[in-house]
Amino acid sequence: MSEKFQISDLLSVTFQSLIIDDKLECHDFILSNGKLSVSCLWRLIVDEKILGTSKDIGLDHWMNNFKEPNEILDKYVFGQKITDAYALDGIGDLKIYFENGTKLEVIKDHGSLEVWEVSNDQGLYLLPDAWGTINGWTSADKK
């Protein structure tokens, strides 16, 4: 059974914007105190329904409200304080809950290294390895 790896450093932080690097297939969520970089599946959940996923970005079909994700993220995520955040150690998923009830789930969907990474301006780094083990350190740990 996986354990929750609580990320208290993210509490009361807000998401500011999303930068998409198509060449590297990376999505960078800019936080008020750092960055969440994601190169695996992520999905936005509102009212217990999946509103869109990273796989929907850029698709052009009539039901895709997530083609341009910044508009929807602006409505449900940007500026909202994070009320809970944790990674599932042994699985590698990341769950982030916002004050308005919206949830952002990052799903470690393959065996690659560093499919997501959190860093902040205080020197915290957090990422899963290929087996889903959550690895974290601070700049103080490097000294």
Protein backbone atom coordinates (compact mmCIF):
# COMPACT_ATOMS: atom_id res chain seq x y z
CA MET A 1 0.00 0.00 0.00
CA SER A 2 1.30 3.44 -0.91
CA GLU A 3 1.84 6.15 1.65
CA LYS A 4 0.90 9.79 1.29
CA PHE A 5 3.91 12.05 1.06
CA GLN A 6 2.42 15.32 2.34
CA ILE A 7 3.73 18.42 0.59
CA SER A 8 3.03 21.07 3.20
CA ASP A 9 5.35 23.53 1.40
CA LEU A 10 2.66 23.88 -1.28
CA LEU A 11 -0.15 24.82 1.10
CA SER A 12 -1.40 28.39 0.59
CA VAL A 13 0.53 28.61 -2.68
CA THR A 14 -1.27 29.63 -5.87
CA PHE A 15 -0.83 28.61 -9.49
CA GLN A 16 -0.12 31.63 -11.68
CA SER A 17 0.15 30.34 -15.26
CA LEU A 18 0.89 27.39 -17.55
CA ILE A 19 3.71 27.31 -20.08
CA ILE A 20 3.59 24.51 -22.65
CA ASP A 21 6.80 23.36 -24.34
CA ASP A 22 5.61 21.23 -27.26
CA LYS A 23 9.15 20.34 -28.29
CA LEU A 24 10.00 18.82 -24.89
CA GLU A 25 6.41 17.70 -24.25
CA CYS A 26 6.55 19.44 -20.88
CA HIS A 27 3.96 21.55 -19.11
CA ASP A 28 5.29 24.04 -16.57
CA PHE A 29 2.82 25.30 -14.00
CA ILE A 30 4.26 28.51 -12.56
CA LEU A 31 3.52 28.76 -8.83
CA SER A 32 3.59 31.83 -6.62
CA ASN A 33 6.76 30.38 -5.05
CA GLY A 34 8.18 27.98 -7.65
CA LYS A 35 7.27 25.58 -10.44
CA LEU A 36 5.60 22.25 -11.12
CA SER A 37 6.99 20.66 -14.31
CA VAL A 38 4.96 17.78 -15.75
CA SER A 39 5.83 15.49 -18.67
CA CYS A 40 3.18 12.85 -17.99
CA LEU A 41 -0.61 12.78 -17.90
CA TRP A 42 -2.38 15.38 -15.76
CA ARG A 43 -6.07 16.03 -15.44
CA LEU A 44 -8.30 18.74 -14.05
CA ILE A 45 -11.27 17.57 -11.98
CA VAL A 46 -14.18 19.89 -11.19
CA ASP A 47 -17.26 18.68 -9.29
CA GLU A 48 -15.88 15.11 -9.41
CA LYS A 49 -15.85 15.18 -13.23
CA ILE A 50 -12.78 15.24 -15.45
CA LEU A 51 -12.93 18.60 -17.21
CA GLY A 52 -9.85 17.98 -19.33
CA THR A 53 -6.47 16.30 -19.49
CA SER A 54 -3.04 17.12 -20.83
CA LYS A 55 -3.81 14.72 -23.70
CA ASP A 56 -6.71 17.01 -24.78
CA ILE A 57 -4.52 20.08 -25.27
CA GLY A 58 -4.38 21.16 -28.88
CA LEU A 59 -6.89 18.59 -30.12
CA ASP A 60 -9.44 20.06 -32.45
CA HIS A 61 -12.79 18.34 -32.07
CA TRP A 62 -16.18 19.84 -31.32
CA MET A 63 -16.38 18.71 -27.67
CA ASN A 64 -12.88 19.78 -26.66
CA ASN A 65 -13.20 22.71 -24.28
CA PHE A 66 -9.60 22.06 -23.23
CA LYS A 67 -7.90 22.89 -26.55
CA GLU A 68 -6.61 26.11 -25.00
CA PRO A 69 -6.20 25.11 -21.33
CA ASN A 70 -5.20 28.53 -19.95
CA GLU A 71 -8.79 29.81 -20.23
CA ILE A 72 -10.19 26.95 -18.14
CA LEU A 73 -7.21 26.94 -15.77
CA ASP A 74 -7.76 30.67 -15.28
CA LYS A 75 -11.36 29.97 -14.27
CA TYR A 76 -10.70 27.04 -11.90
CA VAL A 77 -7.02 27.02 -10.85
CA PHE A 78 -5.04 30.22 -11.32
CA GLY A 79 -5.14 32.37 -8.20
CA GLN A 80 -6.80 29.63 -6.10
CA LYS A 81 -4.91 28.68 -2.93
CA ILE A 82 -3.79 25.09 -2.54
CA THR A 83 -5.46 23.57 0.50
CA ASP A 84 -3.92 20.08 0.31
CA ALA A 85 -1.15 18.48 -1.72
CA TYR A 86 0.44 15.08 -1.53
CA ALA A 87 2.29 12.52 -3.61
CA LEU A 88 1.57 8.81 -3.40
CA ASP A 89 4.85 7.17 -2.48
CA GLY A 90 5.25 3.85 -4.28
CA ILE A 91 2.95 4.96 -7.10
CA GLY A 92 4.32 8.38 -8.01
CA ASP A 93 1.03 10.24 -8.52
CA LEU A 94 0.59 13.81 -7.29
CA LYS A 95 -2.74 15.20 -6.02
CA ILE A 96 -3.35 18.92 -5.53
CA TYR A 97 -6.59 20.33 -4.06
CA PHE A 98 -7.65 23.96 -4.35
CA GLU A 99 -9.83 26.12 -2.10
CA ASN A 100 -12.72 26.10 -4.61
CA GLY A 101 -12.88 22.26 -4.63
CA THR A 102 -11.02 21.81 -7.92
CA LYS A 103 -8.47 19.00 -8.06
CA LEU A 104 -5.37 18.62 -10.23
CA GLU A 105 -4.08 15.06 -10.53
CA VAL A 106 -0.70 14.23 -12.03
CA ILE A 107 -0.64 10.57 -13.04
CA LYS A 108 2.73 8.86 -13.33
CA ASP A 109 1.75 6.96 -16.45
CA HIS A 110 5.05 5.37 -17.45
CA GLY A 111 8.31 4.07 -16.04
CA SER A 112 10.43 7.08 -16.96
CA LEU A 113 12.37 9.12 -14.46
CA GLU A 114 11.32 12.61 -13.46
CA VAL A 115 7.85 12.63 -15.06
CA TRP A 116 6.97 15.47 -12.72
CA GLU A 117 9.00 17.73 -10.47
CA VAL A 118 8.17 20.38 -7.90
CA SER A 119 10.67 23.07 -7.02
CA ASN A 120 10.28 26.23 -4.99
CA ASP A 121 12.29 29.34 -4.29
CA GLN A 122 13.28 28.00 -0.84
CA GLY A 123 15.20 25.17 -2.53
CA LEU A 124 12.74 22.27 -2.17
CA TYR A 125 12.88 19.65 -4.92
CA LEU A 126 10.51 16.71 -5.16
CA LEU A 127 10.11 14.07 -7.87
CA PRO A 128 9.25 10.39 -8.32
CA ASP A 129 11.69 7.79 -9.61
CA ALA A 130 10.85 5.11 -12.19
CA TRP A 131 9.29 2.90 -9.46
CA GLY A 132 7.09 5.67 -8.02
CA THR A 133 9.20 6.32 -4.94
CA ILE A 134 9.01 10.00 -4.02
CA ASN A 135 12.41 11.62 -3.65
CA GLY A 136 12.76 15.00 -2.04
CA TRP A 137 15.53 17.25 -0.85
CA THR A 138 16.20 20.86 -0.04
CA SER A 139 19.17 23.04 -0.88
CA ALA A 140 20.25 22.62 2.76
CA ASP A 141 20.53 18.84 2.17
CA LYS A 142 23.09 19.42 -0.58
CA LYS A 143 25.53 21.19 1.75
